[in-house]
Structure formats: C-alpha cells, structure tokens
Amino acid sequence: CKILSDMNDFKIAHEEFSGQGQSKLCETADEVSGHYICFIVIDNTLYELNGAHGKPYIINKNIDEKDFLSLVCLEIRNRLENGFISEQLS
C-alpha cells in the first residue's frame, strides 16, 4: 500500500483512467455506498485497511495469526450487531 501510494506514475494512470467515464467519481465520502476493505496481520496486530479512513485501523494487538479468521468474523459480527454496517446488499 505504501509503495503504491508513493508511485507517481501509478497515481497519474489511475486518475486518467478513473475519469474516463467508466465509473462515476464521488464528490464526497458520503456518496460512497459500499467499497472493499482488507484485514491483515502484521507483527501480531490485526489491521483493517480501508481507503475511507486514510490510514490503517488497529483492530486487535498481540494476536496469534491462527486466530485471524475468527477475529475478523468477530469484528464483522460486532459491526453488524451495532449497526455500523448493513446486512442488505444492493
């Protein structure tokens, strides 16, 4: 992620293609109804990578990597139960 964010050629190519009408560009984050996120483990810390946040979000520290899937499922379940994400797909 850091390497891509520092690649000017990549940024320029992305901006050129994203503005060609293949998709509607959002003016604000409020217009984004859904997007992809990624959960990763680095140095026994579970992170969420989410472009809407602008930086990695720490979910849990000092984890065992074998618990990765169960911890991600627990995080998603908590978000669903607390209304942070919707169960409905459009």
N, C-alpha and C. Protein backbone atom coordinates (compact mmCIF):
# COMPACT_ATOMS: atom_id res chain seq x y z
N CYS A 1 0.83 -1.18 0.00
CA CYS A 1 0.00 0.00 0.00
C CYS A 1 0.88 1.25 0.00
N LYS A 2 1.88 1.28 0.86
CA LYS A 2 2.78 2.43 0.95
C LYS A 2 3.54 2.61 -0.36
N ILE A 3 3.98 1.52 -0.94
CA ILE A 3 4.73 1.60 -2.20
C ILE A 3 3.84 2.18 -3.29
N LEU A 4 2.61 1.68 -3.40
CA LEU A 4 1.69 2.21 -4.42
C LEU A 4 1.36 3.67 -4.19
N SER A 5 1.21 4.07 -2.94
CA SER A 5 0.85 5.46 -2.66
C SER A 5 1.98 6.42 -3.02
N ASP A 6 3.21 5.93 -3.08
CA ASP A 6 4.36 6.77 -3.43
C ASP A 6 4.70 6.73 -4.92
N MET A 7 3.98 5.94 -5.71
CA MET A 7 4.29 5.80 -7.13
C MET A 7 3.52 6.85 -7.94
N ASN A 8 4.18 7.92 -8.32
CA ASN A 8 3.52 8.99 -9.07
C ASN A 8 2.96 8.50 -10.40
N ASP A 9 3.69 7.65 -11.12
CA ASP A 9 3.19 7.14 -12.40
C ASP A 9 1.89 6.37 -12.20
N PHE A 10 1.80 5.61 -11.13
CA PHE A 10 0.59 4.85 -10.83
C PHE A 10 -0.57 5.81 -10.53
N LYS A 11 -0.30 6.85 -9.73
CA LYS A 11 -1.34 7.84 -9.40
C LYS A 11 -1.86 8.52 -10.66
N ILE A 12 -0.96 8.92 -11.53
CA ILE A 12 -1.35 9.62 -12.76
C ILE A 12 -2.19 8.70 -13.64
N ALA A 13 -1.75 7.45 -13.83
CA ALA A 13 -2.50 6.50 -14.65
C ALA A 13 -3.88 6.24 -14.04
N HIS A 14 -3.95 6.11 -12.72
CA HIS A 14 -5.23 5.87 -12.06
C HIS A 14 -6.18 7.04 -12.28
N GLU A 15 -5.69 8.25 -12.11
CA GLU A 15 -6.53 9.43 -12.30
C GLU A 15 -7.03 9.54 -13.74
N GLU A 16 -6.17 9.23 -14.70
CA GLU A 16 -6.57 9.29 -16.11
C GLU A 16 -7.67 8.29 -16.41
N PHE A 17 -7.51 7.05 -15.97
CA PHE A 17 -8.50 6.02 -16.26
C PHE A 17 -9.78 6.19 -15.47
N SER A 18 -9.66 6.62 -14.21
CA SER A 18 -10.86 6.75 -13.38
C SER A 18 -11.76 7.87 -13.87
N GLY A 19 -11.22 8.83 -14.60
CA GLY A 19 -12.01 9.94 -15.09
C GLY A 19 -12.56 9.75 -16.50
N GLN A 20 -12.42 8.57 -17.07
CA GLN A 20 -12.84 8.33 -18.45
C GLN A 20 -14.29 7.89 -18.57
N GLY A 21 -15.06 8.02 -17.51
CA GLY A 21 -16.47 7.67 -17.60
C GLY A 21 -16.77 6.21 -17.34
N GLN A 22 -15.78 5.43 -16.95
CA GLN A 22 -16.02 4.02 -16.64
C GLN A 22 -16.80 3.88 -15.34
N SER A 23 -16.68 4.87 -14.50
CA SER A 23 -17.45 4.88 -13.25
C SER A 23 -17.64 6.32 -12.83
N LYS A 24 -18.69 6.55 -12.06
CA LYS A 24 -18.98 7.89 -11.57
C LYS A 24 -18.04 8.19 -10.40
N LEU A 25 -17.34 9.31 -10.47
CA LEU A 25 -16.47 9.71 -9.37
C LEU A 25 -17.31 10.36 -8.28
N CYS A 26 -17.05 10.01 -7.05
CA CYS A 26 -17.78 10.57 -5.92
C CYS A 26 -17.14 11.89 -5.51
N GLU A 27 -17.99 12.84 -5.20
CA GLU A 27 -17.51 14.15 -4.75
C GLU A 27 -17.12 14.11 -3.26
N THR A 28 -17.86 13.34 -2.46
CA THR A 28 -17.60 13.25 -1.02
C THR A 28 -17.68 11.80 -0.58
N ALA A 29 -17.15 11.53 0.61
CA ALA A 29 -17.21 10.17 1.16
C ALA A 29 -18.64 9.74 1.45
N ASP A 30 -19.53 10.71 1.67
CA ASP A 30 -20.93 10.38 1.95
C ASP A 30 -21.61 9.71 0.76
N GLU A 31 -21.09 9.93 -0.45
CA GLU A 31 -21.68 9.35 -1.65
C GLU A 31 -21.30 7.89 -1.85
N VAL A 32 -20.31 7.42 -1.13
CA VAL A 32 -19.85 6.04 -1.28
C VAL A 32 -20.78 5.13 -0.50
N SER A 33 -21.50 4.25 -1.21
CA SER A 33 -22.44 3.37 -0.53
C SER A 33 -21.80 2.03 -0.17
N GLY A 34 -20.71 1.70 -0.77
CA GLY A 34 -20.03 0.45 -0.46
C GLY A 34 -18.65 0.42 -1.09
N HIS A 35 -17.73 -0.25 -0.47
CA HIS A 35 -16.38 -0.37 -1.01
C HIS A 35 -15.70 -1.56 -0.35
N TYR A 36 -14.54 -1.91 -0.88
CA TYR A 36 -13.80 -3.05 -0.35
C TYR A 36 -12.89 -2.60 0.78
N ILE A 37 -12.73 -3.48 1.75
CA ILE A 37 -11.76 -3.28 2.80
C ILE A 37 -10.92 -4.55 2.90
N CYS A 38 -9.82 -4.47 3.60
CA CYS A 38 -8.92 -5.60 3.72
C CYS A 38 -8.50 -5.74 5.18
N PHE A 39 -8.47 -6.96 5.68
CA PHE A 39 -7.97 -7.24 7.01
C PHE A 39 -6.63 -7.95 6.86
N ILE A 40 -5.63 -7.49 7.59
CA ILE A 40 -4.30 -8.10 7.54
C ILE A 40 -3.71 -8.21 8.93
N VAL A 41 -2.71 -9.09 9.07
CA VAL A 41 -1.95 -9.21 10.31
C VAL A 41 -0.50 -8.88 10.01
N ILE A 42 0.03 -7.94 10.76
CA ILE A 42 1.45 -7.59 10.69
C ILE A 42 1.97 -7.52 12.11
N ASP A 43 3.04 -8.26 12.37
CA ASP A 43 3.65 -8.28 13.70
C ASP A 43 2.62 -8.53 14.80
N ASN A 44 1.79 -9.52 14.59
CA ASN A 44 0.77 -9.95 15.56
C ASN A 44 -0.27 -8.89 15.88
N THR A 45 -0.47 -7.96 14.95
CA THR A 45 -1.51 -6.94 15.10
C THR A 45 -2.47 -7.06 13.93
N LEU A 46 -3.77 -7.12 14.22
CA LEU A 46 -4.81 -7.21 13.20
C LEU A 46 -5.21 -5.80 12.80
N TYR A 47 -5.06 -5.50 11.50
CA TYR A 47 -5.38 -4.18 10.95
C TYR A 47 -6.53 -4.29 9.95
N GLU A 48 -7.24 -3.19 9.81
CA GLU A 48 -8.19 -3.02 8.72
C GLU A 48 -7.61 -1.95 7.80
N LEU A 49 -7.54 -2.26 6.51
CA LEU A 49 -7.15 -1.27 5.51
C LEU A 49 -8.42 -0.84 4.81
N ASN A 50 -8.72 0.44 4.88
CA ASN A 50 -9.97 0.97 4.37
C ASN A 50 -9.67 2.37 3.82
N GLY A 51 -9.77 2.52 2.52
CA GLY A 51 -9.45 3.79 1.89
C GLY A 51 -10.26 4.96 2.41
N ALA A 52 -11.43 4.68 2.97
CA ALA A 52 -12.26 5.76 3.50
C ALA A 52 -11.68 6.35 4.78
N HIS A 53 -10.78 5.62 5.44
CA HIS A 53 -10.21 6.09 6.70
C HIS A 53 -8.89 6.84 6.51
N GLY A 54 -8.20 6.60 5.43
CA GLY A 54 -6.96 7.30 5.17
C GLY A 54 -5.73 6.72 5.85
N LYS A 55 -5.92 5.82 6.79
CA LYS A 55 -4.78 5.17 7.43
C LYS A 55 -5.24 3.84 8.00
N PRO A 56 -4.30 2.91 8.25
CA PRO A 56 -4.69 1.61 8.82
C PRO A 56 -5.34 1.78 10.18
N TYR A 57 -6.33 0.92 10.46
CA TYR A 57 -7.05 0.94 11.73
C TYR A 57 -6.69 -0.33 12.49
N ILE A 58 -6.20 -0.19 13.71
CA ILE A 58 -5.84 -1.35 14.53
C ILE A 58 -7.10 -1.92 15.17
N ILE A 59 -7.32 -3.21 14.94
CA ILE A 59 -8.48 -3.89 15.49
C ILE A 59 -8.11 -4.63 16.78
N ASN A 60 -6.95 -5.29 16.75
CA ASN A 60 -6.56 -6.10 17.90
C ASN A 60 -5.04 -6.27 17.88
N LYS A 61 -4.42 -6.19 19.04
CA LYS A 61 -2.97 -6.38 19.15
C LYS A 61 -2.65 -7.70 19.83
N ASN A 62 -1.43 -8.15 19.64
CA ASN A 62 -0.92 -9.37 20.28
C ASN A 62 -1.78 -10.59 19.98
N ILE A 63 -2.10 -10.77 18.70
CA ILE A 63 -2.91 -11.93 18.32
C ILE A 63 -2.02 -13.04 17.79
N ASP A 64 -2.56 -14.23 17.79
CA ASP A 64 -1.92 -15.37 17.15
C ASP A 64 -2.49 -15.44 15.74
N GLU A 65 -1.64 -15.51 14.74
CA GLU A 65 -2.10 -15.49 13.35
C GLU A 65 -3.10 -16.60 13.04
N LYS A 66 -3.06 -17.70 13.77
CA LYS A 66 -4.02 -18.78 13.53
C LYS A 66 -5.44 -18.35 13.90
N ASP A 67 -5.57 -17.28 14.67
CA ASP A 67 -6.89 -16.77 15.06
C ASP A 67 -7.41 -15.69 14.11
N PHE A 68 -6.68 -15.45 13.02
CA PHE A 68 -7.03 -14.37 12.09
C PHE A 68 -8.49 -14.42 11.64
N LEU A 69 -8.91 -15.54 11.07
CA LEU A 69 -10.26 -15.63 10.52
C LEU A 69 -11.33 -15.45 11.58
N SER A 70 -11.16 -16.08 12.74
CA SER A 70 -12.17 -15.94 13.79
C SER A 70 -12.25 -14.51 14.31
N LEU A 71 -11.12 -13.82 14.39
CA LEU A 71 -11.13 -12.43 14.86
C LEU A 71 -11.77 -11.49 13.84
N VAL A 72 -11.51 -11.73 12.56
CA VAL A 72 -12.16 -10.92 11.52
C VAL A 72 -13.67 -11.16 11.53
N CYS A 73 -14.08 -12.41 11.64
CA CYS A 73 -15.51 -12.72 11.71
C CYS A 73 -16.16 -12.06 12.92
N LEU A 74 -15.48 -12.07 14.05
CA LEU A 74 -16.00 -11.43 15.26
C LEU A 74 -16.14 -9.92 15.05
N GLU A 75 -15.16 -9.30 14.41
CA GLU A 75 -15.22 -7.86 14.13
C GLU A 75 -16.40 -7.53 13.22
N ILE A 76 -16.59 -8.31 12.17
CA ILE A 76 -17.71 -8.07 11.25
C ILE A 76 -19.04 -8.29 11.97
N ARG A 77 -19.11 -9.35 12.76
CA ARG A 77 -20.34 -9.62 13.51
C ARG A 77 -20.67 -8.46 14.46
N ASN A 78 -19.66 -7.95 15.17
CA ASN A 78 -19.88 -6.82 16.08
C ASN A 78 -20.38 -5.59 15.33
N ARG A 79 -19.83 -5.35 14.16
CA ARG A 79 -20.26 -4.20 13.37
C ARG A 79 -21.70 -4.36 12.88
N LEU A 80 -22.05 -5.57 12.49
CA LEU A 80 -23.43 -5.82 12.07
C LEU A 80 -24.40 -5.62 13.24
N GLU A 81 -24.06 -6.19 14.39
CA GLU A 81 -24.92 -6.09 15.56
C GLU A 81 -25.08 -4.65 16.06
N ASN A 82 -24.05 -3.84 15.88
CA ASN A 82 -24.08 -2.45 16.36
C ASN A 82 -24.53 -1.45 15.28
N GLY A 83 -24.93 -1.97 14.11
CA GLY A 83 -25.46 -1.11 13.07
C GLY A 83 -24.44 -0.31 12.29
N PHE A 84 -23.15 -0.67 12.42
CA PHE A 84 -22.12 0.05 11.68
C PHE A 84 -22.10 -0.35 10.19
N ILE A 85 -22.57 -1.54 9.89
CA ILE A 85 -22.72 -1.98 8.51
C ILE A 85 -24.07 -2.65 8.36
N SER A 86 -24.57 -2.66 7.14
CA SER A 86 -25.89 -3.22 6.87
C SER A 86 -25.75 -4.64 6.35
N GLU A 87 -26.71 -5.48 6.68
CA GLU A 87 -26.73 -6.84 6.16
C GLU A 87 -27.25 -6.89 4.73
N GLN A 88 -27.93 -5.84 4.30
CA GLN A 88 -28.54 -5.82 2.97
C GLN A 88 -27.50 -5.50 1.92
N LEU A 89 -27.56 -6.24 0.84
CA LEU A 89 -26.69 -5.98 -0.31
C LEU A 89 -27.53 -5.36 -1.40
N SER A 90 -26.97 -4.37 -2.08
CA SER A 90 -27.74 -3.74 -3.17
C SER A 90 -27.37 -4.33 -4.50
